[in-house]
């Protein structure tokens, strides 16, 4: 797999230099390229972005109000790179981040610049400092941008305001109170572009990590008021994936599963009450319907792993989706291997396994793990 930092390599710098040579009279193309390439190989991705921005600043007007029209003019001269290169858009990353580095005192010019450039490389990272410093002005612009004919601009509203955007500055205000963004998302959920709708779903998934009830309530309102939208179920399913994974009970009814299942679980049978690292714990149980109607269930199991301090930390694992007929009884058997993995450190002691149906814990069993 190609390293992401290689998206900002010599060919990318050549493309940046060529574009600026077409919008800035007497732009010293070779000098710019030589300075950008100096020690570039030793730098990681974010360091390369910062390095190129600093070099670019040496050749652009230091008054951002004069630099902004030059940045905007790049769009009509931009070389988008090879179609089969997944990193080709990275060449424009230093250009968009230049706006947040040197344009923070110019909100009007900067937001207009990001609106124009986001098609080259999403301005979702660069716009975040402006949201923090100028929340009211940004929100006014976003209310206009959700109607913009360009899907990249509409997506910038949703993606740029995500509370927990990966690689981006966290927006603490929206982590505490996401309500200002809900009307924007409610409009964009109907967008004709999947690119935009996916961003809406990802934004809601961010919100769910801090405010799960907000996401559930919003999705319920959408379903009540917009049932004719054929894409809505996909948006909601994608938006609630973290809630499903964590076993949030309220989300299952929202997704069409039985809200309050009428079932009985047998006690969990373990293959052993003492497991050593490298061994596999087998467990099985039965689910019996106590209803006459068919019920839709999601069966998961939760492992409560011992931490270094002796307390337990839970991790949800998927089992299966079930349609259980009235009075039906099914048997489920599952192995769980205890092997060394890079994402978890095991500690000796009493562990617990719990069966979870539609997010609700039903049966538990304890066992010892020996290291």
Protein backbone atom coordinates (compact mmCIF):
# COMPACT_ATOMS: atom_id res chain seq x y z
CA UNK A 1 0.00 0.00 0.00
CA UNK A 2 1.32 3.43 -0.97
CA UNK A 3 2.31 5.59 2.01
CA UNK A 4 0.02 8.61 2.28
CA UNK A 5 2.95 10.98 2.63
CA UNK A 6 3.89 10.06 -0.95
CA UNK A 7 0.84 11.98 -2.07
CA UNK A 8 3.07 15.01 -1.55
CA UNK A 9 6.10 14.04 -3.61
CA UNK A 10 7.98 15.57 -6.55
CA UNK A 11 5.15 15.12 -9.11
CA UNK A 12 2.72 16.79 -6.69
CA UNK A 13 5.06 19.72 -6.13
CA UNK A 14 5.51 20.02 -9.90
CA UNK A 15 1.73 20.33 -10.24
CA UNK A 16 1.54 22.99 -7.51
CA UNK A 17 4.38 24.98 -9.11
CA UNK A 18 2.85 24.77 -12.58
CA UNK A 19 -0.52 26.03 -11.37
CA UNK A 20 0.99 29.00 -9.54
CA UNK A 21 3.14 29.88 -12.55
CA UNK A 22 -0.10 30.31 -14.50
CA UNK A 23 -1.75 32.67 -11.99
CA UNK A 24 1.23 34.64 -10.67
CA UNK A 25 3.39 36.67 -13.03
CA UNK A 26 7.09 35.77 -12.84
CA UNK A 27 6.48 33.01 -10.31
CA UNK A 28 9.95 31.41 -9.76
CA UNK A 29 8.82 27.89 -10.53
CA UNK A 30 12.19 26.14 -10.28
CA UNK A 31 13.22 27.97 -7.12
CA UNK A 32 9.91 27.02 -5.48
CA UNK A 33 10.29 23.35 -6.45
CA UNK A 34 13.88 23.16 -5.23
CA UNK A 35 13.00 24.62 -1.84
CA UNK A 36 10.00 22.33 -1.45
CA UNK A 37 12.05 19.24 -2.31
CA UNK A 38 14.81 20.09 0.16
CA UNK A 39 14.75 17.39 2.90
CA UNK A 40 11.22 16.41 1.81
CA UNK A 41 11.96 12.68 1.96
CA UNK A 42 12.66 12.88 5.70
CA UNK A 43 9.26 14.43 6.47
CA UNK A 44 5.98 12.71 7.32
CA UNK A 45 2.66 13.72 5.76
CA UNK A 46 1.63 16.56 8.10
CA UNK A 47 5.21 17.84 8.17
CA UNK A 48 5.25 17.94 4.37
CA UNK A 49 2.04 19.96 4.33
CA UNK A 50 3.46 22.48 6.79
CA UNK A 51 6.80 22.62 4.94
CA UNK A 52 5.18 23.36 1.57
CA UNK A 53 2.93 26.01 3.13
CA UNK A 54 5.94 27.80 4.59
CA UNK A 55 7.76 27.76 1.24
CA UNK A 56 4.65 28.93 -0.59
CA UNK A 57 4.31 31.85 1.80
CA UNK A 58 7.72 33.10 0.65
CA UNK A 59 6.35 33.57 -2.88
CA UNK A 60 2.81 34.84 -2.23
CA UNK A 61 1.67 38.29 -1.05
CA UNK A 62 1.78 38.37 2.75
CA UNK A 63 -1.44 40.35 2.76
CA UNK A 64 -3.93 37.48 2.61
CA UNK A 65 -6.59 39.64 0.97
CA UNK A 66 -4.23 39.84 -2.03
CA UNK A 67 -3.20 36.18 -1.86
CA UNK A 68 -6.80 34.89 -1.77
CA UNK A 69 -7.67 35.77 -5.42
CA UNK A 70 -4.50 33.97 -6.56
CA UNK A 71 -5.49 30.84 -4.62
CA UNK A 72 -8.98 30.92 -6.10
CA UNK A 73 -7.57 31.40 -9.61
CA UNK A 74 -5.67 28.09 -9.27
CA UNK A 75 -8.88 26.17 -9.78
CA UNK A 76 -9.15 26.77 -13.53
CA UNK A 77 -5.50 25.81 -14.05
CA UNK A 78 -5.31 22.87 -11.66
CA UNK A 79 -3.88 19.56 -12.81
CA UNK A 80 -5.93 16.91 -11.00
CA UNK A 81 -3.29 14.22 -11.53
CA UNK A 82 -3.73 10.62 -12.63
CA UNK A 83 -7.23 9.16 -12.30
CA UNK A 84 -5.94 5.85 -10.93
CA UNK A 85 -3.84 7.56 -8.23
CA UNK A 86 -5.83 7.53 -4.94
CA UNK A 87 -3.48 10.18 -3.51
CA UNK A 88 -3.61 12.59 -6.44
CA UNK A 89 -5.79 15.09 -4.55
CA UNK A 90 -3.16 15.49 -1.80
CA UNK A 91 -1.27 18.01 -3.95
CA UNK A 92 -3.96 20.58 -3.12
CA UNK A 93 -3.85 19.91 0.63
CA UNK A 94 -1.15 22.53 1.34
CA UNK A 95 -3.13 25.02 -0.74
CA UNK A 96 -6.33 24.64 1.31
CA UNK A 97 -4.43 24.56 4.62
CA UNK A 98 -2.56 27.71 3.57
CA UNK A 99 -5.90 29.46 4.08
CA UNK A 100 -6.19 28.47 7.75
CA UNK A 101 -2.49 29.16 8.38
CA UNK A 102 -2.35 32.69 6.97
CA UNK A 103 -5.98 33.72 6.49
CA UNK A 104 -7.43 33.30 9.97
CA UNK A 105 -7.74 37.07 10.42
CA UNK A 106 -9.67 37.32 7.14
CA UNK A 107 -12.84 35.25 7.64
CA UNK A 108 -14.79 36.62 4.66
CA UNK A 109 -11.98 36.14 2.14
CA UNK A 110 -10.92 32.81 3.67
CA UNK A 111 -14.34 31.14 3.68
CA UNK A 112 -14.92 32.25 0.12
CA UNK A 113 -11.52 30.81 -0.82
CA UNK A 114 -12.24 27.48 0.87
CA UNK A 115 -15.64 27.33 -0.81
CA UNK A 116 -13.91 27.63 -4.19
CA UNK A 117 -10.98 25.31 -3.44
CA UNK A 118 -12.77 22.49 -1.62
CA UNK A 119 -13.34 20.73 -4.95
CA UNK A 120 -9.55 20.34 -5.32
CA UNK A 121 -9.04 18.97 -1.80
CA UNK A 122 -11.73 19.11 0.85
CA UNK A 123 -11.47 22.17 3.08
CA UNK A 124 -12.82 20.13 6.04
CA UNK A 125 -9.53 20.52 7.95
CA UNK A 126 -8.81 24.13 7.05
CA UNK A 127 -12.27 25.43 7.91
CA UNK A 128 -12.28 24.24 11.51
CA UNK A 129 -10.22 27.09 13.05
CA UNK A 130 -12.68 29.53 11.48
CA UNK A 131 -15.63 27.67 13.04
CA UNK A 132 -13.96 28.03 16.44
CA UNK A 133 -13.08 31.74 16.02
CA UNK A 134 -16.11 32.92 14.01
CA UNK A 135 -18.98 30.50 14.83
CA UNK A 136 -21.84 32.86 13.95
CA UNK A 137 -20.40 33.98 10.64
CA UNK A 138 -19.55 30.42 9.64
CA UNK A 139 -23.04 29.23 10.50
CA UNK A 140 -24.54 32.02 8.36
CA UNK A 141 -22.42 30.86 5.42
CA UNK A 142 -23.24 27.20 5.98
CA UNK A 143 -26.96 27.99 5.80
CA UNK A 144 -26.27 29.31 2.30
CA UNK A 145 -23.82 26.60 1.27
CA UNK A 146 -26.26 23.73 1.87
CA UNK A 147 -28.08 25.03 -1.23
CA UNK A 148 -24.92 25.40 -3.34
CA UNK A 149 -24.98 23.64 -6.76
CA UNK A 150 -21.56 22.06 -6.15
CA UNK A 151 -21.70 18.85 -4.09
CA UNK A 152 -18.22 19.51 -2.69
CA UNK A 153 -19.40 22.76 -1.11
CA UNK A 154 -22.51 21.09 0.35
CA UNK A 155 -20.38 18.27 1.75
CA UNK A 156 -17.97 20.79 3.27
CA UNK A 157 -20.79 21.97 5.54
CA UNK A 158 -21.37 18.50 6.95
CA UNK A 159 -17.77 17.28 6.98
CA UNK A 160 -16.24 20.53 8.19
CA UNK A 161 -18.56 20.70 11.22
CA UNK A 162 -18.08 17.06 12.30
CA UNK A 163 -17.29 17.10 16.04
CA UNK A 164 -14.68 14.31 15.84
CA UNK A 165 -13.34 14.48 12.29
CA UNK A 166 -10.43 12.00 11.96
CA UNK A 167 -7.10 13.88 11.61
CA UNK A 168 -8.92 17.15 12.22
CA UNK A 169 -9.22 19.54 15.14
CA UNK A 170 -11.97 18.39 17.48
CA UNK A 171 -14.84 20.85 17.77
CA UNK A 172 -15.45 20.73 21.53
CA UNK A 173 -18.48 23.00 21.35
CA UNK A 174 -20.29 20.60 19.03
CA UNK A 175 -19.16 17.61 21.09
CA UNK A 176 -20.99 19.18 24.03
CA UNK A 177 -23.95 20.52 22.06
CA UNK A 178 -24.46 19.32 18.47
CA UNK A 179 -27.87 20.98 18.09
CA UNK A 180 -26.69 23.94 15.91
CA UNK A 181 -25.71 21.48 13.18
CA UNK A 182 -28.89 19.38 13.20
CA UNK A 183 -30.90 21.68 10.85
CA UNK A 184 -27.98 21.62 8.38
CA UNK A 185 -27.81 17.82 8.48
CA UNK A 186 -31.58 17.53 8.22
CA UNK A 187 -31.45 19.38 4.93
CA UNK A 188 -28.41 17.51 3.58
CA UNK A 189 -29.77 14.05 4.42
CA UNK A 190 -31.96 14.39 1.30
CA UNK A 191 -29.05 15.44 -0.91
CA UNK A 192 -28.99 13.87 -4.36
CA UNK A 193 -25.28 13.10 -3.90
CA UNK A 194 -24.24 9.93 -2.03
CA UNK A 195 -20.96 11.75 -1.33
CA UNK A 196 -22.90 14.28 0.74
CA UNK A 197 -25.29 11.78 2.35
CA UNK A 198 -22.35 9.62 3.49
CA UNK A 199 -20.86 12.70 5.17
CA UNK A 200 -24.16 13.32 6.96
CA UNK A 201 -24.13 9.74 8.25
CA UNK A 202 -20.51 10.04 9.39
CA UNK A 203 -21.31 13.32 11.14
CA UNK A 204 -24.17 11.68 13.05
CA UNK A 205 -21.90 8.77 13.94
CA UNK A 206 -19.51 11.34 15.45
CA UNK A 207 -22.35 12.86 17.48
CA UNK A 208 -23.38 9.41 18.72
CA UNK A 209 -20.05 8.99 20.53
CA UNK A 210 -20.88 11.89 22.87
CA UNK A 211 -24.66 12.31 22.56
CA UNK A 212 -26.27 9.00 21.58
CA UNK A 213 -29.77 10.12 22.52
CA UNK A 214 -29.53 13.11 20.18
CA UNK A 215 -28.82 10.82 17.24
CA UNK A 216 -31.62 8.42 18.13
CA UNK A 217 -34.13 11.28 18.52
CA UNK A 218 -33.03 12.92 15.26
CA UNK A 219 -33.31 9.67 13.32
CA UNK A 220 -36.74 8.95 14.83
CA UNK A 221 -37.94 12.40 13.75
CA UNK A 222 -36.57 11.87 10.25
CA UNK A 223 -38.36 8.54 9.92
CA UNK A 224 -41.65 10.04 11.10
CA UNK A 225 -41.49 13.08 8.82
CA UNK A 226 -39.67 11.75 5.75
CA UNK A 227 -40.64 8.10 5.26
CA UNK A 228 -40.86 8.56 1.47
CA UNK A 229 -37.12 9.26 1.18
CA UNK A 230 -35.68 6.05 -0.37
CA UNK A 231 -32.15 6.84 0.84
CA UNK A 232 -33.04 7.60 4.45
CA UNK A 233 -32.75 4.05 5.77
CA UNK A 234 -29.19 3.80 4.43
CA UNK A 235 -28.22 7.11 6.05
CA UNK A 236 -29.67 6.06 9.41
CA UNK A 237 -28.11 2.59 9.32
CA UNK A 238 -24.69 4.07 8.52
CA UNK A 239 -25.13 6.85 11.10
CA UNK A 240 -25.96 4.46 13.94
CA UNK A 241 -23.24 1.87 13.32
CA UNK A 242 -21.30 2.80 16.47
CA UNK A 243 -24.49 2.66 18.54
CA UNK A 244 -25.21 -0.82 17.20
CA UNK A 245 -21.65 -1.93 17.87
CA UNK A 246 -21.78 -0.64 21.44
CA UNK A 247 -25.18 -2.24 21.98
CA UNK A 248 -27.21 0.92 22.64
CA UNK A 249 -30.68 -0.59 23.28
CA UNK A 250 -32.75 2.26 21.82
CA UNK A 251 -31.16 2.00 18.38
CA UNK A 252 -32.45 -1.48 17.54
CA UNK A 253 -36.11 -0.52 17.33
CA UNK A 254 -35.08 2.39 15.14
CA UNK A 255 -33.49 -0.05 12.65
CA UNK A 256 -36.52 -2.32 12.44
CA UNK A 257 -35.59 -4.88 15.08
CA UNK A 258 -38.03 -5.88 17.82
CA UNK A 259 -37.95 -3.12 20.38
CA UNK A 260 -38.77 -5.20 23.48
CA UNK A 261 -38.14 -8.84 22.58
CA UNK A 262 -40.14 -11.54 24.37
CA UNK A 263 -37.52 -14.25 24.80
CA UNK A 264 -35.92 -16.53 27.35
CA UNK A 265 -32.21 -17.43 27.36
CA UNK A 266 -30.74 -20.56 28.83
CA UNK A 267 -27.69 -20.25 31.10
CA UNK A 268 -24.42 -19.94 29.17
CA UNK A 269 -22.47 -23.18 28.94
CA UNK A 270 -18.67 -22.73 28.87
CA UNK A 271 -16.21 -25.30 27.56
CA UNK A 272 -14.05 -24.51 30.60
CA UNK A 273 -13.99 -22.17 33.58
CA UNK A 274 -10.21 -21.81 33.27
CA UNK A 275 -8.60 -20.66 30.00
CA UNK A 276 -4.94 -20.09 29.25
CA UNK A 277 -3.51 -17.76 26.61
CA UNK A 278 -3.43 -19.51 23.25
CA UNK A 279 -6.56 -21.53 24.02
CA UNK A 280 -10.12 -21.10 22.77
CA UNK A 281 -13.17 -20.65 24.95
CA UNK A 282 -16.29 -22.24 23.47
CA UNK A 283 -19.68 -21.12 24.73
CA UNK A 284 -23.24 -22.00 23.80
CA UNK A 285 -26.75 -21.05 24.80
CA UNK A 286 -30.35 -21.24 23.62
CA UNK A 287 -32.82 -18.49 22.76
CA UNK A 288 -36.52 -19.35 23.09
CA UNK A 289 -39.32 -17.12 21.86
CA UNK A 290 -42.09 -16.50 24.37
CA UNK A 291 -44.20 -14.66 21.79
CA UNK A 292 -46.52 -15.90 19.07
CA UNK A 293 -45.18 -13.42 16.51
CA UNK A 294 -41.92 -13.46 14.58
CA UNK A 295 -39.26 -11.29 16.23
CA UNK A 296 -36.17 -9.67 14.67
CA UNK A 297 -33.14 -9.93 16.93
CA UNK A 298 -29.47 -8.96 16.97
CA UNK A 299 -27.44 -11.32 19.14
CA UNK A 300 -24.04 -10.10 20.38
CA UNK A 301 -21.72 -11.16 23.12
CA UNK A 302 -19.77 -8.92 25.46
CA UNK A 303 -16.37 -9.79 26.88
CA UNK A 304 -15.47 -8.02 30.11
CA UNK A 305 -11.66 -8.08 29.99
CA UNK A 306 -9.56 -7.51 33.10
CA UNK A 307 -7.48 -4.32 32.98
CA UNK A 308 -4.12 -3.61 34.62
CA UNK A 309 -5.88 -2.11 37.66
CA UNK A 310 -8.02 -5.23 38.12
CA UNK A 311 -11.22 -3.61 36.90
CA UNK A 312 -13.09 -4.83 33.83
CA UNK A 313 -13.44 -3.19 30.42
CA UNK A 314 -16.13 -4.40 28.04
CA UNK A 315 -15.86 -5.12 24.33
CA UNK A 316 -18.86 -6.04 22.17
CA UNK A 317 -18.50 -8.78 19.55
CA UNK A 318 -21.06 -9.59 16.87
CA UNK A 319 -22.86 -12.95 16.82
CA UNK A 320 -25.72 -12.99 14.32
CA UNK A 321 -28.97 -11.43 13.17
CA UNK A 322 -31.97 -13.66 13.83
CA UNK A 323 -35.60 -13.89 12.76
CA UNK A 324 -37.18 -15.95 15.54
CA UNK A 325 -40.60 -17.41 14.79
CA UNK A 326 -43.27 -17.56 17.47
CA UNK A 327 -42.36 -20.23 20.04
CA UNK A 328 -39.13 -21.13 18.19
CA UNK A 329 -35.98 -22.17 20.04
CA UNK A 330 -32.51 -21.87 18.50
CA UNK A 331 -29.11 -23.02 19.72
CA UNK A 332 -26.00 -20.86 19.26
CA UNK A 333 -22.41 -22.00 19.69
CA UNK A 334 -19.41 -19.72 19.36
CA UNK A 335 -15.62 -20.06 19.90
CA UNK A 336 -13.55 -17.13 21.20
CA UNK A 337 -9.79 -17.43 20.84
CA UNK A 338 -7.43 -15.87 23.38
CA UNK A 339 -4.36 -15.05 21.35
CA UNK A 340 -1.85 -12.23 21.36
CA UNK A 341 -2.98 -9.22 19.29
CA UNK A 342 -1.46 -5.76 18.92
CA UNK A 343 -4.65 -3.92 19.91
CA UNK A 344 -5.16 -5.54 23.31
CA UNK A 345 -3.02 -6.48 26.29
CA UNK A 346 -4.41 -9.34 28.35
CA UNK A 347 -4.25 -9.57 32.12
CA UNK A 348 -4.80 -12.56 34.36
CA UNK A 349 -7.93 -12.82 36.45
CA UNK A 350 -11.69 -13.22 36.48
CA UNK A 351 -13.33 -12.39 33.14
CA UNK A 352 -17.01 -12.29 32.27
CA UNK A 353 -18.97 -13.10 29.13
CA UNK A 354 -22.46 -11.70 28.60
CA UNK A 355 -25.06 -12.43 25.93
CA UNK A 356 -26.72 -9.30 24.60
CA UNK A 357 -29.98 -9.30 22.60
CA UNK A 358 -30.96 -6.06 20.88
CA UNK A 359 -28.55 -4.22 23.16
CA UNK A 360 -29.92 -5.68 26.39
CA UNK A 361 -27.77 -7.93 28.58
CA UNK A 362 -29.49 -11.25 29.26
CA UNK A 363 -27.11 -13.87 30.69
CA UNK A 364 -23.60 -13.82 32.17
CA UNK A 365 -20.92 -16.37 33.00
CA UNK A 366 -17.50 -15.99 34.63
CA UNK A 367 -14.20 -17.68 33.82
CA UNK A 368 -10.54 -17.28 34.74
CA UNK A 369 -7.86 -16.34 32.26
CA UNK A 370 -4.37 -17.55 33.03
CA UNK A 371 -1.43 -15.76 31.40
